[in-house]
């Protein structure tokens, strides 16, 4: 459960960065501050209770990783969303895809299939009804083209 919670919080921070006014460091400093987490925890169950070191490490790594590989991740999205203009994808869809593709390529302890499944589950909670199938299709195409799967 701890990775699931950390992934969900990382998604929120990556989504926030998608508005283009925040840098990863600022988003994490503001979003992971003890006062902020406590205040959010009173209203949102996900943020209730302290984060452990492993969760915090994952969140920081994922958010910084997505930020540092943003152009590459967005190029992967653009190349694999045939018939879709990336500019028309929702910010949440982009955030979910960015996080999942980052995990697929750069997080060694997350199997590709798990990254895809978790992305679809996040889409069911935070995105439109059809987003899960769309995200699954895009990530499946990317997974099939990965060097280990060739």
Protein backbone atom coordinates (compact mmCIF):
# COMPACT_ATOMS: atom_id res chain seq x y z
CA UNK A 1 0.00 0.00 0.00
CA UNK A 2 2.85 2.39 0.68
CA UNK A 3 4.01 2.56 -2.96
CA UNK A 4 0.42 3.02 -4.11
CA UNK A 5 -0.06 5.99 -1.77
CA UNK A 6 3.31 7.46 -2.78
CA UNK A 7 2.49 7.04 -6.48
CA UNK A 8 -0.83 8.80 -6.03
CA UNK A 9 0.77 11.74 -4.21
CA UNK A 10 3.51 11.89 -6.86
CA UNK A 11 0.77 12.04 -9.50
CA UNK A 12 -0.83 15.00 -7.74
CA UNK A 13 2.48 16.86 -7.71
CA UNK A 14 3.22 16.01 -11.36
CA UNK A 15 -0.27 17.20 -12.26
CA UNK A 16 0.43 20.47 -10.45
CA UNK A 17 3.66 20.89 -12.45
CA UNK A 18 1.58 20.47 -15.62
CA UNK A 19 0.23 23.96 -15.18
CA UNK A 20 3.70 25.20 -16.10
CA UNK A 21 4.09 27.64 -13.23
CA UNK A 22 5.96 25.41 -10.80
CA UNK A 23 9.29 23.65 -10.86
CA UNK A 24 9.70 20.20 -9.35
CA UNK A 25 11.70 21.45 -6.37
CA UNK A 26 9.08 24.07 -5.46
CA UNK A 27 6.19 21.66 -5.92
CA UNK A 28 7.82 19.11 -3.61
CA UNK A 29 8.83 21.65 -0.99
CA UNK A 30 5.32 23.05 -0.91
CA UNK A 31 3.45 19.76 -1.45
CA UNK A 32 5.42 17.59 0.96
CA UNK A 33 5.73 20.08 3.79
CA UNK A 34 4.53 18.72 7.13
CA UNK A 35 2.02 21.56 7.59
CA UNK A 36 0.60 21.06 4.10
CA UNK A 37 0.28 17.30 4.53
CA UNK A 38 -1.38 17.74 7.91
CA UNK A 39 -3.88 20.27 6.55
CA UNK A 40 -4.68 18.10 3.54
CA UNK A 41 -4.92 15.02 5.76
CA UNK A 42 -7.83 16.59 7.61
CA UNK A 43 -9.84 16.71 4.37
CA UNK A 44 -8.35 14.02 2.13
CA UNK A 45 -7.72 10.53 3.50
CA UNK A 46 -4.77 9.93 1.14
CA UNK A 47 -2.78 12.61 2.94
CA UNK A 48 -3.70 11.48 6.46
CA UNK A 49 -0.82 10.17 8.53
CA UNK A 50 2.87 10.76 8.01
CA UNK A 51 4.79 9.49 4.99
CA UNK A 52 7.53 6.99 5.72
CA UNK A 53 11.06 7.40 4.33
CA UNK A 54 10.44 4.99 1.46
CA UNK A 55 7.30 6.83 0.36
CA UNK A 56 8.99 10.21 0.54
CA UNK A 57 12.00 8.90 -1.39
CA UNK A 58 9.76 7.49 -4.13
CA UNK A 59 7.76 10.72 -4.43
CA UNK A 60 10.85 12.92 -4.63
CA UNK A 61 12.52 10.56 -7.12
CA UNK A 62 9.43 10.29 -9.34
CA UNK A 63 8.66 14.01 -9.41
CA UNK A 64 12.27 15.00 -10.06
CA UNK A 65 12.61 12.20 -12.60
CA UNK A 66 9.55 13.25 -14.55
CA UNK A 67 10.73 16.87 -14.49
CA UNK A 68 14.22 15.99 -15.70
CA UNK A 69 12.94 13.70 -18.50
CA UNK A 70 9.91 15.79 -19.44
CA UNK A 71 10.85 16.39 -23.10
CA UNK A 72 11.65 12.70 -23.62
CA UNK A 73 8.42 11.59 -21.91
CA UNK A 74 6.32 14.04 -23.91
CA UNK A 75 8.01 12.89 -27.14
CA UNK A 76 7.06 9.29 -26.27
CA UNK A 77 3.47 10.40 -25.65
CA UNK A 78 3.30 12.36 -28.92
CA UNK A 79 4.78 9.46 -30.90
CA UNK A 80 2.33 6.94 -29.46
CA UNK A 81 -0.97 8.84 -29.45
CA UNK A 82 -1.79 8.27 -33.08
CA UNK A 83 -4.64 10.43 -34.23
CA UNK A 84 -4.48 12.60 -31.13
CA UNK A 85 -3.05 16.07 -30.76
CA UNK A 86 -1.13 16.00 -27.47
CA UNK A 87 -2.23 19.57 -26.76
CA UNK A 88 -5.82 18.30 -26.57
CA UNK A 89 -5.09 15.66 -23.91
CA UNK A 90 -6.18 16.61 -20.42
CA UNK A 91 -3.55 17.65 -17.91
CA UNK A 92 -4.45 14.63 -15.82
CA UNK A 93 -4.02 12.24 -18.74
CA UNK A 94 -0.62 13.80 -19.44
CA UNK A 95 0.40 13.53 -15.77
CA UNK A 96 -0.61 9.87 -15.60
CA UNK A 97 1.20 9.04 -18.84
CA UNK A 98 4.32 10.93 -17.78
CA UNK A 99 4.50 9.12 -14.45
CA UNK A 100 3.84 5.69 -15.97
CA UNK A 101 6.38 6.09 -18.77
CA UNK A 102 8.94 7.35 -16.27
CA UNK A 103 8.33 4.26 -14.13
CA UNK A 104 8.52 1.96 -17.15
CA UNK A 105 11.93 3.25 -18.19
CA UNK A 106 13.60 4.46 -15.01
CA UNK A 107 12.21 2.74 -11.90
CA UNK A 108 13.89 -0.65 -11.66
CA UNK A 109 11.65 -2.12 -8.98
CA UNK A 110 8.41 -1.41 -10.87
CA UNK A 111 7.65 -4.00 -13.57
CA UNK A 112 6.36 -2.52 -16.82
CA UNK A 113 3.03 -4.31 -16.44
CA UNK A 114 2.59 -2.93 -12.93
CA UNK A 115 3.29 0.61 -14.13
CA UNK A 116 0.62 0.21 -16.79
CA UNK A 117 -1.93 -1.31 -14.41
CA UNK A 118 -1.35 1.39 -11.80
CA UNK A 119 -1.73 4.10 -14.46
CA UNK A 120 -5.06 2.65 -15.56
CA UNK A 121 -6.24 2.48 -11.94
CA UNK A 122 -5.24 6.12 -11.38
CA UNK A 123 -7.12 7.10 -14.53
CA UNK A 124 -10.26 5.41 -13.21
CA UNK A 125 -10.08 7.59 -10.10
CA UNK A 126 -8.84 10.92 -11.48
CA UNK A 127 -9.65 11.08 -15.18
CA UNK A 128 -12.57 10.64 -17.54
CA UNK A 129 -14.44 7.38 -18.07
CA UNK A 130 -12.60 6.61 -21.33
CA UNK A 131 -9.15 7.69 -20.17
CA UNK A 132 -8.20 4.30 -18.69
CA UNK A 133 -8.58 2.49 -22.01
CA UNK A 134 -6.76 5.27 -23.86
CA UNK A 135 -3.87 5.27 -21.36
CA UNK A 136 -3.69 1.47 -21.46
CA UNK A 137 -3.43 1.55 -25.26
CA UNK A 138 -0.70 4.19 -25.32
CA UNK A 139 1.35 2.50 -22.60
CA UNK A 140 0.89 -0.93 -24.18
CA UNK A 141 2.26 0.39 -27.47
CA UNK A 142 5.24 1.92 -25.67
CA UNK A 143 5.86 -1.29 -23.71
CA UNK A 144 5.90 -3.42 -26.86
CA UNK A 145 8.53 -1.11 -28.39
CA UNK A 146 10.82 -1.13 -25.34
CA UNK A 147 14.25 -2.71 -25.91
CA UNK A 148 13.64 -5.54 -23.41
CA UNK A 149 10.45 -6.50 -25.23
CA UNK A 150 11.83 -6.35 -28.78
